[in-house]
């Protein structure tokens, strides 16, 4: 470190390392407080979604026959 350029180079290196460490710490704290998948302002779903679709136990042909019988009367 005989030259002032060496001192400036070391100073810039330490400054960059400090900025990277602080940014990484802030990022980790933010991600811990806001887990992925929970957007700010997004509604929280507390109840499971219920499907109103017909039961899959019945064949499509049986469903069609049931509709035809109800339209005939």
PDB file of N, CA and C in Angstrom:
ATOM      1  N   UNK A   1       0.831  -1.176   0.000  1.00  0.00           N
ATOM      2  CA  UNK A   1       0.000   0.000   0.000  1.00  0.00           C
ATOM      3  C   UNK A   1       0.879   1.244   0.000  1.00  0.00           C
ATOM      4  N   UNK A   2       1.697   1.313  -0.971  1.00  0.00           N
ATOM      5  CA  UNK A   2       2.580   2.461  -1.092  1.00  0.00           C
ATOM      6  C   UNK A   2       1.898   3.622  -1.809  1.00  0.00           C
ATOM      7  N   UNK A   3       0.863   3.325  -2.548  1.00  0.00           N
ATOM      8  CA  UNK A   3       0.227   4.344  -3.378  1.00  0.00           C
ATOM      9  C   UNK A   3      -1.176   4.645  -2.846  1.00  0.00           C
ATOM     10  N   UNK A   4      -1.665   5.832  -3.078  1.00  0.00           N
ATOM     11  CA  UNK A   4      -3.010   6.209  -2.632  1.00  0.00           C
ATOM     12  C   UNK A   4      -4.065   5.410  -3.390  1.00  0.00           C
ATOM     13  N   UNK A   5      -3.725   4.936  -4.582  1.00  0.00           N
ATOM     14  CA  UNK A   5      -4.686   4.154  -5.372  1.00  0.00           C
ATOM     15  C   UNK A   5      -5.014   2.833  -4.677  1.00  0.00           C
ATOM     16  N   UNK A   6      -4.058   2.267  -4.006  1.00  0.00           N
ATOM     17  CA  UNK A   6      -4.306   1.028  -3.254  1.00  0.00           C
ATOM     18  C   UNK A   6      -5.297   1.275  -2.123  1.00  0.00           C
ATOM     19  N   UNK A   7      -5.131   2.382  -1.438  1.00  0.00           N
ATOM     20  CA  UNK A   7      -6.028   2.733  -0.341  1.00  0.00           C
ATOM     21  C   UNK A   7      -7.446   2.988  -0.866  1.00  0.00           C
ATOM     22  N   UNK A   8      -7.572   3.675  -1.988  1.00  0.00           N
ATOM     23  CA  UNK A   8      -8.887   3.927  -2.599  1.00  0.00           C
ATOM     24  C   UNK A   8      -9.514   2.612  -3.040  1.00  0.00           C
ATOM     25  N   UNK A   9      -8.728   1.732  -3.619  1.00  0.00           N
ATOM     26  CA  UNK A   9      -9.233   0.445  -4.077  1.00  0.00           C
ATOM     27  C   UNK A   9      -9.751  -0.390  -2.909  1.00  0.00           C
ATOM     28  N   UNK A  10      -8.990  -0.442  -1.823  1.00  0.00           N
ATOM     29  CA  UNK A  10      -9.419  -1.192  -0.643  1.00  0.00           C
ATOM     30  C   UNK A  10     -10.670  -0.561  -0.041  1.00  0.00           C
ATOM     31  N   UNK A  11     -10.727   0.763  -0.010  1.00  0.00           N
ATOM     32  CA  UNK A  11     -11.895   1.451   0.542  1.00  0.00           C
ATOM     33  C   UNK A  11     -13.146   1.147  -0.280  1.00  0.00           C
ATOM     34  N   UNK A  12     -13.034   1.193  -1.599  1.00  0.00           N
ATOM     35  CA  UNK A  12     -14.187   0.881  -2.453  1.00  0.00           C
ATOM     36  C   UNK A  12     -14.609  -0.580  -2.310  1.00  0.00           C
ATOM     37  N   UNK A  13     -13.649  -1.461  -2.153  1.00  0.00           N
ATOM     38  CA  UNK A  13     -13.959  -2.879  -1.969  1.00  0.00           C
ATOM     39  C   UNK A  13     -14.730  -3.100  -0.666  1.00  0.00           C
ATOM     40  N   UNK A  14     -14.275  -2.469   0.399  1.00  0.00           N
ATOM     41  CA  UNK A  14     -14.968  -2.600   1.689  1.00  0.00           C
ATOM     42  C   UNK A  14     -16.351  -1.956   1.642  1.00  0.00           C
ATOM     43  N   UNK A  15     -16.483  -0.830   0.949  1.00  0.00           N
ATOM     44  CA  UNK A  15     -17.786  -0.182   0.813  1.00  0.00           C
ATOM     45  C   UNK A  15     -18.769  -1.086   0.064  1.00  0.00           C
ATOM     46  N   UNK A  16     -18.318  -1.663  -1.045  1.00  0.00           N
ATOM     47  CA  UNK A  16     -19.190  -2.567  -1.812  1.00  0.00           C
ATOM     48  C   UNK A  16     -19.576  -3.800  -0.997  1.00  0.00           C
ATOM     49  N   UNK A  17     -18.615  -4.358  -0.278  1.00  0.00           N
ATOM     50  CA  UNK A  17     -18.918  -5.527   0.554  1.00  0.00           C
ATOM     51  C   UNK A  17     -19.942  -5.168   1.635  1.00  0.00           C
ATOM     52  N   UNK A  18     -19.797  -3.993   2.244  1.00  0.00           N
ATOM     53  CA  UNK A  18     -20.751  -3.552   3.264  1.00  0.00           C
ATOM     54  C   UNK A  18     -22.148  -3.364   2.696  1.00  0.00           C
ATOM     55  N   UNK A  19     -22.228  -2.757   1.505  1.00  0.00           N
ATOM     56  CA  UNK A  19     -23.538  -2.545   0.869  1.00  0.00           C
ATOM     57  C   UNK A  19     -24.194  -3.885   0.547  1.00  0.00           C
ATOM     58  N   UNK A  20     -23.418  -4.827   0.049  1.00  0.00           N
ATOM     59  CA  UNK A  20     -23.967  -6.144  -0.283  1.00  0.00           C
ATOM     60  C   UNK A  20     -24.450  -6.869   0.972  1.00  0.00           C
ATOM     61  N   UNK A  21     -23.703  -6.773   2.057  1.00  0.00           N
ATOM     62  CA  UNK A  21     -24.115  -7.432   3.302  1.00  0.00           C
ATOM     63  C   UNK A  21     -25.388  -6.817   3.867  1.00  0.00           C
ATOM     64  N   UNK A  22     -25.488  -5.486   3.860  1.00  0.00           N
ATOM     65  CA  UNK A  22     -26.687  -4.821   4.380  1.00  0.00           C
ATOM     66  C   UNK A  22     -27.888  -5.141   3.502  1.00  0.00           C
ATOM     67  N   UNK A  23     -27.716  -5.103   2.184  1.00  0.00           N
ATOM     68  CA  UNK A  23     -28.824  -5.420   1.281  1.00  0.00           C
ATOM     69  C   UNK A  23     -29.283  -6.866   1.465  1.00  0.00           C
ATOM     70  N   UNK A  24     -28.353  -7.782   1.630  1.00  0.00           N
ATOM     71  CA  UNK A  24     -28.715  -9.188   1.852  1.00  0.00           C
ATOM     72  C   UNK A  24     -29.468  -9.382   3.155  1.00  0.00           C
ATOM     73  N   UNK A  25     -29.051  -8.693   4.193  1.00  0.00           N
ATOM     74  CA  UNK A  25     -29.740  -8.794   5.487  1.00  0.00           C
ATOM     75  C   UNK A  25     -31.159  -8.245   5.394  1.00  0.00           C
ATOM     76  N   UNK A  26     -31.309  -7.099   4.742  1.00  0.00           N
ATOM     77  CA  UNK A  26     -32.643  -6.514   4.580  1.00  0.00           C
ATOM     78  C   UNK A  26     -33.540  -7.412   3.738  1.00  0.00           C
ATOM     79  N   UNK A  27     -32.972  -8.022   2.702  1.00  0.00           N
ATOM     80  CA  UNK A  27     -33.748  -8.933   1.863  1.00  0.00           C
ATOM     81  C   UNK A  27     -34.225 -10.140   2.664  1.00  0.00           C
ATOM     82  N   UNK A  28     -33.333 -10.722   3.454  1.00  0.00           N
ATOM     83  CA  UNK A  28     -33.719 -11.887   4.258  1.00  0.00           C
ATOM     84  C   UNK A  28     -34.784 -11.536   5.281  1.00  0.00           C
ATOM     85  N   UNK A  29     -34.672 -10.383   5.908  1.00  0.00           N
ATOM     86  CA  UNK A  29     -35.686  -9.975   6.880  1.00  0.00           C
ATOM     87  C   UNK A  29     -37.028  -9.741   6.203  1.00  0.00           C
ATOM     88  N   UNK A  30     -37.021  -9.144   5.028  1.00  0.00           N
ATOM     89  CA  UNK A  30     -38.274  -8.894   4.307  1.00  0.00           C
ATOM     90  C   UNK A  30     -38.926 -10.206   3.893  1.00  0.00           C
ATOM     91  N   UNK A  31     -38.143 -11.154   3.344  1.00  0.00           N
ATOM     92  CA  UNK A  31     -38.705 -12.420   2.893  1.00  0.00           C
ATOM     93  C   UNK A  31     -39.224 -13.260   4.059  1.00  0.00           C
ATOM     94  N   UNK A  32     -38.633 -13.114   5.233  1.00  0.00           N
ATOM     95  CA  UNK A  32     -39.117 -13.838   6.399  1.00  0.00           C
ATOM     96  C   UNK A  32     -40.455 -13.270   6.861  1.00  0.00           C
ATOM     97  N   UNK A  33     -40.594 -11.949   6.795  1.00  0.00           N
ATOM     98  CA  UNK A  33     -41.838 -11.314   7.230  1.00  0.00           C
ATOM     99  C   UNK A  33     -42.960 -11.492   6.208  1.00  0.00           C
ATOM    100  N   UNK A  34     -42.624 -11.623   4.915  1.00  0.00           N
ATOM    101  CA  UNK A  34     -43.613 -11.768   3.847  1.00  0.00           C
ATOM    102  C   UNK A  34     -43.293 -13.020   3.047  1.00  0.00           C
ATOM    103  N   UNK A  35     -43.826 -14.183   3.456  1.00  0.00           N
ATOM    104  CA  UNK A  35     -43.519 -15.417   2.724  1.00  0.00           C
ATOM    105  C   UNK A  35     -44.055 -15.366   1.298  1.00  0.00           C
ATOM    106  N   UNK A  36     -43.420 -16.082   0.370  1.00  0.00           N
ATOM    107  CA  UNK A  36     -43.887 -16.076  -1.015  1.00  0.00           C
ATOM    108  C   UNK A  36     -45.299 -16.628  -1.114  1.00  0.00           C
ATOM    109  N   UNK A  37     -46.066 -16.073  -2.026  1.00  0.00           N
ATOM    110  CA  UNK A  37     -47.441 -16.514  -2.216  1.00  0.00           C
ATOM    111  C   UNK A  37     -48.446 -15.680  -1.467  1.00  0.00           C
ATOM    112  N   UNK A  38     -47.998 -14.810  -0.589  1.00  0.00           N
ATOM    113  CA  UNK A  38     -48.936 -13.929   0.099  1.00  0.00           C
ATOM    114  C   UNK A  38     -48.643 -12.500  -0.343  1.00  0.00           C
ATOM    115  N   UNK A  39     -49.373 -12.071  -1.330  1.00  0.00           N
ATOM    116  CA  UNK A  39     -49.182 -10.724  -1.849  1.00  0.00           C
ATOM    117  C   UNK A  39     -49.811  -9.726  -0.880  1.00  0.00           C
ATOM    118  N   UNK A  40     -49.218  -8.561  -0.729  1.00  0.00           N
ATOM    119  CA  UNK A  40     -49.819  -7.571   0.161  1.00  0.00           C
ATOM    120  C   UNK A  40     -51.174  -7.129  -0.383  1.00  0.00           C
ATOM    121  N   UNK A  41     -52.159  -7.111   0.461  1.00  0.00           N
ATOM    122  CA  UNK A  41     -53.501  -6.698   0.065  1.00  0.00           C
ATOM    123  C   UNK A  41     -54.339  -7.819  -0.516  1.00  0.00           C
ATOM    124  N   UNK A  42     -53.770  -9.000  -0.700  1.00  0.00           N
ATOM    125  CA  UNK A  42     -54.529 -10.117  -1.247  1.00  0.00           C
ATOM    126  C   UNK A  42     -55.414 -10.710  -0.159  1.00  0.00           C
ATOM    127  N   UNK A  43     -56.643 -11.078  -0.498  1.00  0.00           N
ATOM    128  CA  UNK A  43     -57.527 -11.655   0.513  1.00  0.00           C
ATOM    129  C   UNK A  43     -57.036 -13.037   0.931  1.00  0.00           C
ATOM    130  N   UNK A  44     -57.186 -13.334   2.182  1.00  0.00           N
ATOM    131  CA  UNK A  44     -56.805 -14.639   2.709  1.00  0.00           C
ATOM    132  C   UNK A  44     -58.008 -15.567   2.637  1.00  0.00           C
ATOM    133  N   UNK A  45     -57.829 -16.730   2.055  1.00  0.00           N
ATOM    134  CA  UNK A  45     -58.913 -17.704   1.933  1.00  0.00           C
ATOM    135  C   UNK A  45     -58.866 -18.599   3.160  1.00  0.00           C
ATOM    136  N   UNK A  46     -59.938 -18.557   3.956  1.00  0.00           N
ATOM    137  CA  UNK A  46     -59.949 -19.336   5.180  1.00  0.00           C
ATOM    138  C   UNK A  46     -60.749 -20.627   5.034  1.00  0.00           C
ATOM    139  N   UNK A  47     -61.692 -20.674   4.102  1.00  0.00           N
ATOM    140  CA  UNK A  47     -62.520 -21.858   3.924  1.00  0.00           C
ATOM    141  C   UNK A  47     -62.140 -22.542   2.616  1.00  0.00           C
ATOM    142  N   UNK A  48     -62.224 -23.862   2.565  1.00  0.00           N
ATOM    143  CA  UNK A  48     -61.920 -24.546   1.309  1.00  0.00           C
ATOM    144  C   UNK A  48     -62.990 -24.253   0.263  1.00  0.00           C
ATOM    145  N   UNK A  49     -62.593 -24.285  -0.988  1.00  0.00           N
ATOM    146  CA  UNK A  49     -63.551 -24.045  -2.064  1.00  0.00           C
ATOM    147  C   UNK A  49     -64.429 -25.280  -2.238  1.00  0.00           C
ATOM    148  N   UNK A  50     -65.703 -25.065  -2.475  1.00  0.00           N
ATOM    149  CA  UNK A  50     -66.653 -26.155  -2.645  1.00  0.00           C
ATOM    150  C   UNK A  50     -67.118 -26.149  -4.090  1.00  0.00           C
ATOM    151  N   UNK A  51     -67.040 -27.293  -4.723  1.00  0.00           N
ATOM    152  CA  UNK A  51     -67.467 -27.406  -6.112  1.00  0.00           C
ATOM    153  C   UNK A  51     -68.952 -27.728  -6.153  1.00  0.00           C
ATOM    154  N   UNK A  52     -69.645 -27.118  -7.077  1.00  0.00           N
ATOM    155  CA  UNK A  52     -71.071 -27.402  -7.262  1.00  0.00           C
ATOM    156  C   UNK A  52     -71.293 -28.261  -8.510  1.00  0.00           C
ATOM    157  N   UNK A  53     -70.265 -28.910  -8.973  1.00  0.00           N
ATOM    158  CA  UNK A  53     -70.355 -29.773 -10.150  1.00  0.00           C
ATOM    159  C   UNK A  53     -71.064 -31.064  -9.772  1.00  0.00           C
ATOM    160  N   UNK A  54     -71.663 -31.739 -10.757  1.00  0.00           N
ATOM    161  CA  UNK A  54     -72.321 -33.012 -10.455  1.00  0.00           C
ATOM    162  C   UNK A  54     -71.318 -34.049  -9.985  1.00  0.00           C
ATOM    163  N   UNK A  55     -71.823 -35.011  -9.299  1.00  0.00           N
ATOM    164  CA  UNK A  55     -70.981 -36.059  -8.742  1.00  0.00           C
ATOM    165  C   UNK A  55     -70.296 -36.840  -9.856  1.00  0.00           C
ATOM    166  N   UNK A  56     -69.005 -37.115  -9.722  1.00  0.00           N
ATOM    167  CA  UNK A  56     -68.304 -37.880 -10.760  1.00  0.00           C
ATOM    168  C   UNK A  56     -68.627 -39.366 -10.739  1.00  0.00           C
ATOM    169  N   UNK A  57     -69.447 -39.811  -9.787  1.00  0.00           N
ATOM    170  CA  UNK A  57     -69.785 -41.230  -9.690  1.00  0.00           C
ATOM    171  C   UNK A  57     -70.780 -41.642 -10.771  1.00  0.00           C
ATOM    172  N   UNK A  58     -71.504 -40.709 -11.315  1.00  0.00           N
ATOM    173  CA  UNK A  58     -72.518 -41.008 -12.315  1.00  0.00           C
ATOM    174  C   UNK A  58     -71.898 -40.893 -13.709  1.00  0.00           C
ATOM    175  N   UNK A  59     -72.171 -41.848 -14.587  1.00  0.00           N
ATOM    176  CA  UNK A  59     -71.654 -41.815 -15.951  1.00  0.00           C
ATOM    177  C   UNK A  59     -72.341 -40.694 -16.730  1.00  0.00           C
ATOM    178  N   UNK A  60     -71.654 -40.120 -17.710  1.00  0.00           N
ATOM    179  CA  UNK A  60     -72.285 -39.080 -18.532  1.00  0.00           C
ATOM    180  C   UNK A  60     -73.518 -39.580 -19.264  1.00  0.00           C
ATOM    181  N   UNK A  61     -73.522 -40.856 -19.667  1.00  0.00           N
ATOM    182  CA  UNK A  61     -74.695 -41.405 -20.358  1.00  0.00           C
ATOM    183  C   UNK A  61     -75.889 -41.453 -19.416  1.00  0.00           C
ATOM    184  N   UNK A  62     -75.674 -41.817 -18.147  1.00  0.00           N
ATOM    185  CA  UNK A  62     -76.769 -41.858 -17.174  1.00  0.00           C
ATOM    186  C   UNK A  62     -77.308 -40.460 -16.918  1.00  0.00           C
ATOM    187  N   UNK A  63     -76.428 -39.465 -16.853  1.00  0.00           N
ATOM    188  CA  UNK A  63     -76.875 -38.088 -16.643  1.00  0.00           C
ATOM    189  C   UNK A  63     -77.735 -37.627 -17.819  1.00  0.00           C
ATOM    190  N   UNK A  64     -77.327 -38.010 -19.047  1.00  0.00           N
ATOM    191  CA  UNK A  64     -78.080 -37.602 -20.228  1.00  0.00           C
ATOM    192  C   UNK A  64     -79.455 -38.262 -20.220  1.00  0.00           C
ATOM    193  N   UNK A  65     -79.521 -39.527 -19.819  1.00  0.00           N
ATOM    194  CA  UNK A  65     -80.816 -40.220 -19.757  1.00  0.00           C
ATOM    195  C   UNK A  65     -81.714 -39.559 -18.720  1.00  0.00           C
ATOM    196  N   UNK A  66     -81.136 -39.145 -17.607  1.00  0.00           N
ATOM    197  CA  UNK A  66     -81.923 -38.474 -16.579  1.00  0.00           C
ATOM    198  C   UNK A  66     -82.464 -37.144 -17.075  1.00  0.00           C
ATOM    199  N   UNK A  67     -81.701 -36.427 -17.847  1.00  0.00           N
ATOM    200  CA  UNK A  67     -82.178 -35.158 -18.423  1.00  0.00           C
ATOM    201  C   UNK A  67     -83.284 -35.407 -19.437  1.00  0.00           C
ATOM    202  N   UNK A  68     -83.111 -36.455 -20.273  1.00  0.00           N
ATOM    203  CA  UNK A  68     -84.128 -36.750 -21.271  1.00  0.00           C
ATOM    204  C   UNK A  68     -85.452 -37.110 -20.594  1.00  0.00           C
ATOM    205  N   UNK A  69     -85.410 -37.869 -19.518  1.00  0.00           N
ATOM    206  CA  UNK A  69     -86.641 -38.266 -18.816  1.00  0.00           C
ATOM    207  C   UNK A  69     -87.316 -37.042 -18.202  1.00  0.00           C
ATOM    208  N   UNK A  70     -86.540 -36.098 -17.690  1.00  0.00           N
ATOM    209  CA  UNK A  70     -87.149 -34.940 -17.054  1.00  0.00           C
ATOM    210  C   UNK A  70     -87.738 -33.986 -18.093  1.00  0.00           C
ATOM    211  N   UNK A  71     -87.213 -33.978 -19.320  1.00  0.00           N
ATOM    212  CA  UNK A  71     -87.771 -33.120 -20.373  1.00  0.00           C
ATOM    213  C   UNK A  71     -89.014 -33.731 -21.002  1.00  0.00           C
ATOM    214  N   UNK A  72     -89.210 -35.041 -20.929  1.00  0.00           N
ATOM    215  CA  UNK A  72     -90.350 -35.708 -21.542  1.00  0.00           C
ATOM    216  C   UNK A  72     -91.618 -35.462 -20.746  1.00  0.00           C
ATOM    217  N   UNK A  73     -91.540 -35.258 -19.472  1.00  0.00           N
ATOM    218  CA  UNK A  73     -92.762 -35.119 -18.659  1.00  0.00           C
ATOM    219  C   UNK A  73     -93.315 -33.733 -18.693  1.00  0.00           C
TER     220      UNK A  73
END
